All heavy atoms as atom14 arrays in JSON, in Angstrom:
{
  "sequence": "WGRPDMACFIFTKALLEDRPIDVYNHGEMRRDFTYIDDIVEGVVR",
  "atom14_mask": [
    [1, 1, 1, 1, 1, 1, 1, 1, 1, 1, 1, 1, 1, 1],
    [1, 1, 1, 1, 0, 0, 0, 0, 0, 0, 0, 0, 0, 0],
    [1, 1, 1, 1, 1, 1, 1, 1, 1, 1, 1, 0, 0, 0],
    [1, 1, 1, 1, 1, 1, 1, 0, 0, 0, 0, 0, 0, 0],
    [1, 1, 1, 1, 1, 1, 1, 1, 0, 0, 0, 0, 0, 0],
    [1, 1, 1, 1, 1, 1, 1, 1, 0, 0, 0, 0, 0, 0],
    [1, 1, 1, 1, 1, 0, 0, 0, 0, 0, 0, 0, 0, 0],
    [1, 1, 1, 1, 1, 1, 0, 0, 0, 0, 0, 0, 0, 0],
    [1, 1, 1, 1, 1, 1, 1, 1, 1, 1, 1, 0, 0, 0],
    [1, 1, 1, 1, 1, 1, 1, 1, 0, 0, 0, 0, 0, 0],
    [1, 1, 1, 1, 1, 1, 1, 1, 1, 1, 1, 0, 0, 0],
    [1, 1, 1, 1, 1, 1, 1, 0, 0, 0, 0, 0, 0, 0],
    [1, 1, 1, 1, 1, 1, 1, 1, 1, 0, 0, 0, 0, 0],
    [1, 1, 1, 1, 1, 0, 0, 0, 0, 0, 0, 0, 0, 0],
    [1, 1, 1, 1, 1, 1, 1, 1, 0, 0, 0, 0, 0, 0],
    [1, 1, 1, 1, 1, 1, 1, 1, 0, 0, 0, 0, 0, 0],
    [1, 1, 1, 1, 1, 1, 1, 1, 1, 0, 0, 0, 0, 0],
    [1, 1, 1, 1, 1, 1, 1, 1, 0, 0, 0, 0, 0, 0],
    [1, 1, 1, 1, 1, 1, 1, 1, 1, 1, 1, 0, 0, 0],
    [1, 1, 1, 1, 1, 1, 1, 0, 0, 0, 0, 0, 0, 0],
    [1, 1, 1, 1, 1, 1, 1, 1, 0, 0, 0, 0, 0, 0],
    [1, 1, 1, 1, 1, 1, 1, 1, 0, 0, 0, 0, 0, 0],
    [1, 1, 1, 1, 1, 1, 1, 0, 0, 0, 0, 0, 0, 0],
    [1, 1, 1, 1, 1, 1, 1, 1, 1, 1, 1, 1, 0, 0],
    [1, 1, 1, 1, 1, 1, 1, 1, 0, 0, 0, 0, 0, 0],
    [1, 1, 1, 1, 1, 1, 1, 1, 1, 1, 0, 0, 0, 0],
    [1, 1, 1, 1, 0, 0, 0, 0, 0, 0, 0, 0, 0, 0],
    [1, 1, 1, 1, 1, 1, 1, 1, 1, 0, 0, 0, 0, 0],
    [1, 1, 1, 1, 1, 1, 1, 1, 0, 0, 0, 0, 0, 0],
    [1, 1, 1, 1, 1, 1, 1, 1, 1, 1, 1, 0, 0, 0],
    [1, 1, 1, 1, 1, 1, 1, 1, 1, 1, 1, 0, 0, 0],
    [1, 1, 1, 1, 1, 1, 1, 1, 0, 0, 0, 0, 0, 0],
    [1, 1, 1, 1, 1, 1, 1, 1, 1, 1, 1, 0, 0, 0],
    [1, 1, 1, 1, 1, 1, 1, 0, 0, 0, 0, 0, 0, 0],
    [1, 1, 1, 1, 1, 1, 1, 1, 1, 1, 1, 1, 0, 0],
    [1, 1, 1, 1, 1, 1, 1, 1, 0, 0, 0, 0, 0, 0],
    [1, 1, 1, 1, 1, 1, 1, 1, 0, 0, 0, 0, 0, 0],
    [1, 1, 1, 1, 1, 1, 1, 1, 0, 0, 0, 0, 0, 0],
    [1, 1, 1, 1, 1, 1, 1, 1, 0, 0, 0, 0, 0, 0],
    [1, 1, 1, 1, 1, 1, 1, 0, 0, 0, 0, 0, 0, 0],
    [1, 1, 1, 1, 1, 1, 1, 1, 1, 0, 0, 0, 0, 0],
    [1, 1, 1, 1, 0, 0, 0, 0, 0, 0, 0, 0, 0, 0],
    [1, 1, 1, 1, 1, 1, 1, 0, 0, 0, 0, 0, 0, 0],
    [1, 1, 1, 1, 1, 1, 1, 0, 0, 0, 0, 0, 0, 0],
    [1, 1, 1, 1, 1, 1, 1, 1, 1, 1, 1, 0, 0, 0]
  ],
  "atom14_positions": [
    [[7.58, 7.5, 2.91], [7.68, 8.39, 1.78], [6.97, 7.83, 0.52], [7.23, 8.23, -0.59], [9.14, 8.74, 1.44], [9.86, 9.46, 2.51], [10.69, 8.91, 3.45], [9.87, 10.87, 2.78], [11.18, 9.88, 4.3], [10.67, 11.1, 3.91], [9.21, 11.94, 2.18], [10.88, 12.36, 4.45], [9.43, 13.21, 2.71], [10.27, 13.43, 3.82]],
    [[6.06, 6.85, 0.74], [5.38, 6.2, -0.37], [4.43, 7.09, -1.13], [4.06, 8.2, -0.69], [0.0, 0.0, 0.0], [0.0, 0.0, 0.0], [0.0, 0.0, 0.0], [0.0, 0.0, 0.0], [0.0, 0.0, 0.0], [0.0, 0.0, 0.0], [0.0, 0.0, 0.0], [0.0, 0.0, 0.0], [0.0, 0.0, 0.0], [0.0, 0.0, 0.0]],
    [[3.97, 6.57, -2.27], [3.08, 7.33, -3.15], [1.66, 7.39, -2.58], [1.14, 6.37, -2.09], [3.02, 6.7, -4.54], [4.26, 6.92, -5.36], [4.21, 6.44, -6.78], [2.98, 5.83, -7.2], [2.91, 4.65, -7.84], [4.0, 3.95, -8.06], [1.76, 4.17, -8.23], [0.0, 0.0, 0.0], [0.0, 0.0, 0.0], [0.0, 0.0, 0.0]],
    [[0.98, 8.53, -2.72], [-0.38, 8.66, -2.21], [-1.41, 7.83, -2.96], [-2.56, 7.7, -2.47], [-0.68, 10.15, -2.37], [0.65, 10.83, -2.45], [1.55, 9.83, -3.13], [0.0, 0.0, 0.0], [0.0, 0.0, 0.0], [0.0, 0.0, 0.0], [0.0, 0.0, 0.0], [0.0, 0.0, 0.0], [0.0, 0.0, 0.0], [0.0, 0.0, 0.0]],
    [[-1.08, 7.3, -4.14], [-2.04, 6.48, -4.89], [-1.9, 5.0, -4.6], [-2.58, 4.19, -5.24], [-1.88, 6.77, -6.39], [-0.53, 6.35, -6.93], [0.44, 6.37, -6.17], [-0.45, 6.01, -8.11], [0.0, 0.0, 0.0], [0.0, 0.0, 0.0], [0.0, 0.0, 0.0], [0.0, 0.0, 0.0], [0.0, 0.0, 0.0], [0.0, 0.0, 0.0]],
    [[-1.06, 4.62, -3.67], [-0.85, 3.21, -3.33], [-1.69, 2.83, -2.09], [-2.01, 3.66, -1.24], [0.63, 2.95, -3.07], [1.49, 3.21, -4.32], [1.12, 2.11, -5.69], [1.85, 0.57, -5.11], [0.0, 0.0, 0.0], [0.0, 0.0, 0.0], [0.0, 0.0, 0.0], [0.0, 0.0, 0.0], [0.0, 0.0, 0.0], [0.0, 0.0, 0.0]],
    [[-1.99, 1.51, -2.0], [-2.93, 1.03, -1.01], [-2.55, 1.4, 0.43], [-3.4, 1.84, 1.21], [-3.05, -0.49, -1.13], [0.0, 0.0, 0.0], [0.0, 0.0, 0.0], [0.0, 0.0, 0.0], [0.0, 0.0, 0.0], [0.0, 0.0, 0.0], [0.0, 0.0, 0.0], [0.0, 0.0, 0.0], [0.0, 0.0, 0.0], [0.0, 0.0, 0.0]],
    [[-1.29, 1.24, 0.78], [-0.88, 1.51, 2.16], [-1.18, 2.95, 2.55], [-1.71, 3.23, 3.66], [0.61, 1.2, 2.33], [1.14, 1.04, 4.04], [0.0, 0.0, 0.0], [0.0, 0.0, 0.0], [0.0, 0.0, 0.0], [0.0, 0.0, 0.0], [0.0, 0.0, 0.0], [0.0, 0.0, 0.0], [0.0, 0.0, 0.0], [0.0, 0.0, 0.0]],
    [[-0.88, 3.87, 1.68], [-1.1, 5.3, 1.89], [-2.59, 5.58, 1.93], [-3.11, 6.28, 2.85], [-0.42, 6.11, 0.78], [-0.2, 7.54, 1.07], [1.07, 8.04, 1.24], [-1.27, 8.44, 1.19], [1.3, 9.4, 1.51], [-1.06, 9.77, 1.45], [0.21, 10.26, 1.61], [0.0, 0.0, 0.0], [0.0, 0.0, 0.0], [0.0, 0.0, 0.0]],
    [[-3.33, 5.09, 0.96], [-4.77, 5.34, 0.85], [-5.52, 4.85, 2.08], [-6.33, 5.56, 2.67], [-5.36, 4.71, -0.42], [-4.8, 5.39, -1.67], [-6.87, 4.75, -0.42], [-5.14, 4.66, -2.97], [0.0, 0.0, 0.0], [0.0, 0.0, 0.0], [0.0, 0.0, 0.0], [0.0, 0.0, 0.0], [0.0, 0.0, 0.0], [0.0, 0.0, 0.0]],
    [[-5.22, 3.61, 2.51], [-5.92, 3.04, 3.64], [-5.6, 3.74, 4.93], [-6.47, 4.04, 5.77], [-5.61, 1.54, 3.76], [-6.1, 0.7, 2.62], [-5.57, -0.55, 2.36], [-7.12, 1.15, 1.77], [-6.03, -1.35, 1.32], [-7.58, 0.38, 0.71], [-7.02, -0.88, 0.49], [0.0, 0.0, 0.0], [0.0, 0.0, 0.0], [0.0, 0.0, 0.0]],
    [[-4.32, 4.05, 5.13], [-3.89, 4.75, 6.35], [-4.55, 6.11, 6.45], [-5.09, 6.49, 7.52], [-2.36, 4.87, 6.4], [-1.76, 3.59, 6.4], [-1.91, 5.66, 7.62], [0.0, 0.0, 0.0], [0.0, 0.0, 0.0], [0.0, 0.0, 0.0], [0.0, 0.0, 0.0], [0.0, 0.0, 0.0], [0.0, 0.0, 0.0], [0.0, 0.0, 0.0]],
    [[-4.54, 6.85, 5.38], [-5.13, 8.2, 5.37], [-6.63, 8.12, 5.66], [-7.17, 8.91, 6.45], [-4.88, 8.86, 4.01], [-5.33, 10.31, 3.89], [-4.88, 10.88, 2.55], [-5.1, 12.4, 2.5], [-6.55, 12.72, 2.48], [0.0, 0.0, 0.0], [0.0, 0.0, 0.0], [0.0, 0.0, 0.0], [0.0, 0.0, 0.0], [0.0, 0.0, 0.0]],
    [[-7.32, 7.19, 5.04], [-8.75, 7.08, 5.22], [-9.12, 6.7, 6.66], [-10.05, 7.27, 7.25], [-9.34, 6.04, 4.25], [0.0, 0.0, 0.0], [0.0, 0.0, 0.0], [0.0, 0.0, 0.0], [0.0, 0.0, 0.0], [0.0, 0.0, 0.0], [0.0, 0.0, 0.0], [0.0, 0.0, 0.0], [0.0, 0.0, 0.0], [0.0, 0.0, 0.0]],
    [[-8.37, 5.75, 7.24], [-8.68, 5.36, 8.62], [-8.47, 6.52, 9.59], [-9.26, 6.72, 10.5], [-7.8, 4.17, 9.04], [-8.46, 2.79, 8.93], [-8.75, 2.43, 7.49], [-7.58, 1.73, 9.59], [0.0, 0.0, 0.0], [0.0, 0.0, 0.0], [0.0, 0.0, 0.0], [0.0, 0.0, 0.0], [0.0, 0.0, 0.0], [0.0, 0.0, 0.0]],
    [[-7.42, 7.28, 9.38], [-7.15, 8.4, 10.27], [-8.17, 9.51, 10.12], [-8.4, 10.3, 11.04], [-5.74, 8.94, 10.0], [-4.59, 8.05, 10.51], [-3.26, 8.54, 9.98], [-4.56, 7.99, 12.03], [0.0, 0.0, 0.0], [0.0, 0.0, 0.0], [0.0, 0.0, 0.0], [0.0, 0.0, 0.0], [0.0, 0.0, 0.0], [0.0, 0.0, 0.0]],
    [[-8.78, 9.59, 8.92], [-9.8, 10.63, 8.69], [-11.22, 10.09, 8.86], [-12.19, 10.77, 8.5], [-9.61, 11.19, 7.26], [-8.29, 11.92, 7.09], [-8.05, 12.36, 5.64], [-8.89, 12.05, 4.77], [-7.04, 13.04, 5.39], [0.0, 0.0, 0.0], [0.0, 0.0, 0.0], [0.0, 0.0, 0.0], [0.0, 0.0, 0.0], [0.0, 0.0, 0.0]],
    [[-11.35, 8.86, 9.38], [-12.68, 8.24, 9.6], [-13.5, 8.18, 8.33], [-14.73, 8.43, 8.37], [-13.43, 8.98, 10.71], [-12.76, 8.8, 12.07], [-12.32, 7.68, 12.37], [-12.67, 9.81, 12.82], [0.0, 0.0, 0.0], [0.0, 0.0, 0.0], [0.0, 0.0, 0.0], [0.0, 0.0, 0.0], [0.0, 0.0, 0.0], [0.0, 0.0, 0.0]],
    [[-12.86, 7.85, 7.23], [-13.57, 7.68, 5.97], [-13.54, 6.2, 5.56], [-12.58, 5.49, 5.88], [-12.92, 8.52, 4.87], [-13.06, 10.0, 5.05], [-12.51, 10.81, 3.88], [-11.07, 10.65, 3.75], [-10.46, 9.87, 2.85], [-11.17, 9.11, 2.01], [-9.15, 9.8, 2.79], [0.0, 0.0, 0.0], [0.0, 0.0, 0.0], [0.0, 0.0, 0.0]],
    [[-14.54, 5.74, 4.8], [-14.52, 4.32, 4.32], [-13.46, 4.14, 3.28], [-13.02, 5.08, 2.61], [-15.93, 4.15, 3.75], [-16.41, 5.51, 3.41], [-15.76, 6.46, 4.41], [0.0, 0.0, 0.0], [0.0, 0.0, 0.0], [0.0, 0.0, 0.0], [0.0, 0.0, 0.0], [0.0, 0.0, 0.0], [0.0, 0.0, 0.0], [0.0, 0.0, 0.0]],
    [[-13.01, 2.91, 3.12], [-12.03, 2.56, 2.09], [-12.67, 1.66, 1.05], [-13.56, 0.87, 1.35], [-10.79, 1.84, 2.69], [-11.19, 0.55, 3.38], [-10.06, 2.77, 3.65], [-10.0, -0.24, 3.89], [0.0, 0.0, 0.0], [0.0, 0.0, 0.0], [0.0, 0.0, 0.0], [0.0, 0.0, 0.0], [0.0, 0.0, 0.0], [0.0, 0.0, 0.0]],
    [[-12.26, 1.82, -0.21], [-12.74, 0.98, -1.3], [-11.88, -0.27, -1.37], [-10.64, -0.18, -1.47], [-12.67, 1.74, -2.64], [-13.66, 2.88, -2.72], [-14.68, 2.83, -1.97], [-13.44, 3.83, -3.49], [0.0, 0.0, 0.0], [0.0, 0.0, 0.0], [0.0, 0.0, 0.0], [0.0, 0.0, 0.0], [0.0, 0.0, 0.0], [0.0, 0.0, 0.0]],
    [[-12.5, -1.42, -1.3], [-11.81, -2.69, -1.31], [-12.26, -3.47, -2.55], [-13.42, -3.92, -2.61], [-12.07, -3.51, -0.02], [-11.34, -4.83, -0.06], [-11.66, -2.69, 1.22], [0.0, 0.0, 0.0], [0.0, 0.0, 0.0], [0.0, 0.0, 0.0], [0.0, 0.0, 0.0], [0.0, 0.0, 0.0], [0.0, 0.0, 0.0], [0.0, 0.0, 0.0]],
    [[-11.37, -3.62, -3.5], [-11.76, -4.19, -4.8], [-11.73, -5.72, -4.8], [-11.07, -6.35, -3.98], [-10.87, -3.62, -5.91], [-11.12, -2.14, -6.12], [-10.26, -1.19, -5.56], [-12.22, -1.7, -6.83], [-10.51, 0.18, -5.71], [-12.49, -0.35, -7.0], [-11.62, 0.59, -6.44], [-11.9, 1.92, -6.58], [0.0, 0.0, 0.0], [0.0, 0.0, 0.0]],
    [[-12.47, -6.28, -5.75], [-12.66, -7.73, -5.85], [-13.18, -8.31, -4.54], [-12.9, -9.45, -4.2], [-11.36, -8.42, -6.27], [-11.61, -9.77, -6.96], [-12.59, -9.93, -7.68], [-10.75, -10.74, -6.74], [0.0, 0.0, 0.0], [0.0, 0.0, 0.0], [0.0, 0.0, 0.0], [0.0, 0.0, 0.0], [0.0, 0.0, 0.0], [0.0, 0.0, 0.0]],
    [[-13.95, -7.46, -3.82], [-14.58, -7.87, -2.57], [-13.54, -8.4, -1.58], [-13.83, -9.26, -0.75], [-15.67, -8.89, -2.84], [-16.71, -8.45, -3.83], [-17.68, -7.53, -3.5], [-16.86, -8.73, -5.14], [-18.42, -7.29, -4.58], [-17.93, -8.02, -5.6], [0.0, 0.0, 0.0], [0.0, 0.0, 0.0], [0.0, 0.0, 0.0], [0.0, 0.0, 0.0]],
    [[-12.32, -7.87, -1.68], [-11.26, -8.26, -0.77], [-10.53, -9.54, -1.14], [-9.56, -9.93, -0.5], [0.0, 0.0, 0.0], [0.0, 0.0, 0.0], [0.0, 0.0, 0.0], [0.0, 0.0, 0.0], [0.0, 0.0, 0.0], [0.0, 0.0, 0.0], [0.0, 0.0, 0.0], [0.0, 0.0, 0.0], [0.0, 0.0, 0.0], [0.0, 0.0, 0.0]],
    [[-10.99, -10.21, -2.21], [-10.38, -11.46, -2.61], [-9.19, -11.19, -3.54], [-9.2, -11.54, -4.73], [-11.41, -12.34, -3.33], [-12.57, -12.76, -2.44], [-12.08, -13.65, -1.29], [-11.2, -14.5, -1.51], [-12.57, -13.46, -0.16], [0.0, 0.0, 0.0], [0.0, 0.0, 0.0], [0.0, 0.0, 0.0], [0.0, 0.0, 0.0], [0.0, 0.0, 0.0]],
    [[-8.19, -10.54, -3.01], [-6.99, -10.23, -3.74], [-5.77, -10.54, -2.89], [-5.81, -10.43, -1.67], [-6.95, -8.75, -4.17], [-8.09, -8.33, -5.1], [-8.07, -6.58, -5.47], [-6.7, -6.5, -6.6], [0.0, 0.0, 0.0], [0.0, 0.0, 0.0], [0.0, 0.0, 0.0], [0.0, 0.0, 0.0], [0.0, 0.0, 0.0], [0.0, 0.0, 0.0]],
    [[-4.68, -10.92, -3.54], [-3.41, -11.13, -2.85], [-2.33, -10.36, -3.6], [-2.27, -10.37, -4.82], [-3.07, -12.61, -2.79], [-3.97, -13.42, -1.86], [-3.43, -14.82, -1.69], [-3.41, -15.59, -2.93], [-2.61, -16.61, -3.18], [-1.71, -16.99, -2.29], [-2.69, -17.26, -4.33], [0.0, 0.0, 0.0], [0.0, 0.0, 0.0], [0.0, 0.0, 0.0]],
    [[-1.5, -9.69, -2.83], [-0.43, -8.9, -3.42], [0.89, -9.24, -2.75], [0.97, -9.48, -1.55], [-0.7, -7.4, -3.24], [-1.79, -6.83, -4.14], [-1.29, -6.74, -5.56], [-2.31, -6.2, -6.44], [-3.21, -6.91, -7.14], [-3.22, -8.24, -6.98], [-4.05, -6.36, -7.94], [0.0, 0.0, 0.0], [0.0, 0.0, 0.0], [0.0, 0.0, 0.0]],
    [[1.95, -9.24, -3.56], [3.28, -9.5, -3.06], [3.89, -8.16, -2.62], [4.75, -7.6, -3.26], [4.14, -10.14, -4.15], [5.32, -10.91, -3.59], [5.71, -10.62, -2.44], [5.84, -11.79, -4.27], [0.0, 0.0, 0.0], [0.0, 0.0, 0.0], [0.0, 0.0, 0.0], [0.0, 0.0, 0.0], [0.0, 0.0, 0.0], [0.0, 0.0, 0.0]],
    [[3.38, -7.65, -1.47], [3.83, -6.38, -0.94], [5.32, -6.46, -0.58], [5.73, -7.35, 0.16], [3.02, -6.0, 0.3], [1.57, -5.71, 0.01], [0.59, -6.64, 0.25], [1.21, -4.47, -0.49], [-0.76, -6.36, 0.02], [-0.13, -4.17, -0.75], [-1.11, -5.12, -0.5], [0.0, 0.0, 0.0], [0.0, 0.0, 0.0], [0.0, 0.0, 0.0]],
    [[6.09, -5.47, -1.09], [7.54, -5.51, -0.92], [8.01, -4.21, -0.32], [7.75, -3.12, -0.84], [8.24, -5.75, -2.27], [7.64, -6.86, -2.95], [9.72, -6.03, -2.07], [0.0, 0.0, 0.0], [0.0, 0.0, 0.0], [0.0, 0.0, 0.0], [0.0, 0.0, 0.0], [0.0, 0.0, 0.0], [0.0, 0.0, 0.0], [0.0, 0.0, 0.0]],
    [[8.7, -4.3, 0.79], [9.13, -3.11, 1.53], [10.23, -2.37, 0.77], [11.11, -3.0, 0.14], [9.61, -3.52, 2.93], [9.86, -2.34, 3.85], [8.83, -1.48, 4.19], [11.14, -2.1, 4.34], [9.07, -0.4, 5.04], [11.38, -1.03, 5.21], [10.34, -0.18, 5.53], [10.57, 0.89, 6.36], [0.0, 0.0, 0.0], [0.0, 0.0, 0.0]],
    [[10.22, -1.06, 0.87], [11.11, -0.23, 0.07], [12.6, -0.55, 0.28], [13.38, -0.55, -0.68], [10.84, 1.28, 0.36], [11.73, 2.19, -0.49], [10.98, 1.61, 1.84], [11.52, 2.06, -2.0], [0.0, 0.0, 0.0], [0.0, 0.0, 0.0], [0.0, 0.0, 0.0], [0.0, 0.0, 0.0], [0.0, 0.0, 0.0], [0.0, 0.0, 0.0]],
    [[13.01, -0.83, 1.5], [14.42, -1.15, 1.75], [14.87, -2.39, 0.99], [16.02, -2.48, 0.53], [14.69, -1.31, 3.24], [14.62, -0.01, 4.01], [14.39, 1.04, 3.38], [14.78, -0.04, 5.24], [0.0, 0.0, 0.0], [0.0, 0.0, 0.0], [0.0, 0.0, 0.0], [0.0, 0.0, 0.0], [0.0, 0.0, 0.0], [0.0, 0.0, 0.0]],
    [[13.95, -3.37, 0.87], [14.3, -4.58, 0.12], [14.41, -4.28, -1.36], [15.32, -4.83, -2.03], [13.19, -5.63, 0.34], [13.22, -6.23, 1.72], [14.31, -6.24, 2.34], [12.17, -6.7, 2.2], [0.0, 0.0, 0.0], [0.0, 0.0, 0.0], [0.0, 0.0, 0.0], [0.0, 0.0, 0.0], [0.0, 0.0, 0.0], [0.0, 0.0, 0.0]],
    [[13.56, -3.43, -1.89], [13.65, -3.03, -3.28], [14.99, -2.36, -3.56], [15.73, -2.7, -4.51], [12.5, -2.1, -3.67], [11.16, -2.82, -3.66], [12.76, -1.43, -5.01], [10.98, -3.8, -4.79], [0.0, 0.0, 0.0], [0.0, 0.0, 0.0], [0.0, 0.0, 0.0], [0.0, 0.0, 0.0], [0.0, 0.0, 0.0], [0.0, 0.0, 0.0]],
    [[15.34, -1.39, -2.72], [16.57, -0.62, -2.92], [17.81, -1.51, -2.8], [18.78, -1.39, -3.58], [16.63, 0.55, -1.94], [18.0, 1.21, -1.95], [15.58, 1.59, -2.33], [0.0, 0.0, 0.0], [0.0, 0.0, 0.0], [0.0, 0.0, 0.0], [0.0, 0.0, 0.0], [0.0, 0.0, 0.0], [0.0, 0.0, 0.0], [0.0, 0.0, 0.0]],
    [[17.81, -2.43, -1.84], [18.96, -3.33, -1.69], [19.12, -4.17, -2.95], [20.24, -4.4, -3.41], [18.75, -4.24, -0.48], [19.88, -5.22, -0.23], [21.2, -4.55, 0.07], [21.2, -3.42, 0.59], [22.26, -5.17, -0.18], [0.0, 0.0, 0.0], [0.0, 0.0, 0.0], [0.0, 0.0, 0.0], [0.0, 0.0, 0.0], [0.0, 0.0, 0.0]],
    [[18.02, -4.63, -3.54], [18.09, -5.4, -4.76], [18.66, -4.59, -5.91], [19.51, -5.05, -6.68], [0.0, 0.0, 0.0], [0.0, 0.0, 0.0], [0.0, 0.0, 0.0], [0.0, 0.0, 0.0], [0.0, 0.0, 0.0], [0.0, 0.0, 0.0], [0.0, 0.0, 0.0], [0.0, 0.0, 0.0], [0.0, 0.0, 0.0], [0.0, 0.0, 0.0]],
    [[18.21, -3.33, -6.04], [18.7, -2.46, -7.13], [20.19, -2.24, -6.98], [20.95, -2.34, -7.97], [17.95, -1.13, -7.15], [18.55, -0.21, -8.21], [16.45, -1.34, -7.39], [0.0, 0.0, 0.0], [0.0, 0.0, 0.0], [0.0, 0.0, 0.0], [0.0, 0.0, 0.0], [0.0, 0.0, 0.0], [0.0, 0.0, 0.0], [0.0, 0.0, 0.0]],
    [[20.65, -1.94, -5.77], [22.08, -1.66, -5.56], [22.95, -2.85, -5.9], [23.99, -2.72, -6.54], [22.31, -1.2, -4.12], [23.79, -1.12, -3.79], [21.66, 0.18, -3.87], [0.0, 0.0, 0.0], [0.0, 0.0, 0.0], [0.0, 0.0, 0.0], [0.0, 0.0, 0.0], [0.0, 0.0, 0.0], [0.0, 0.0, 0.0], [0.0, 0.0, 0.0]],
    [[22.5, -4.02, -5.52], [23.29, -5.23, -5.83], [23.35, -5.46, -7.33], [24.38, -5.86, -7.87], [22.7, -6.44, -5.12], [22.82, -6.38, -3.62], [22.6, -7.73, -2.99], [22.59, -7.64, -1.52], [22.9, -8.67, -0.74], [23.21, -9.84, -1.25], [22.86, -8.52, 0.57], [0.0, 0.0, 0.0], [0.0, 0.0, 0.0], [0.0, 0.0, 0.0]]
  ]
}
């Protein structure tokens, strides 16, 4: 149920539609990707 403007959604949609994806900083990026269930558990606590 993630947002369409986020990387996971954008990349998945593009691959399924056989379109290229834009990869910024030539791929030299690191992100602390956090799964939604972990976020929600933290908020509830």
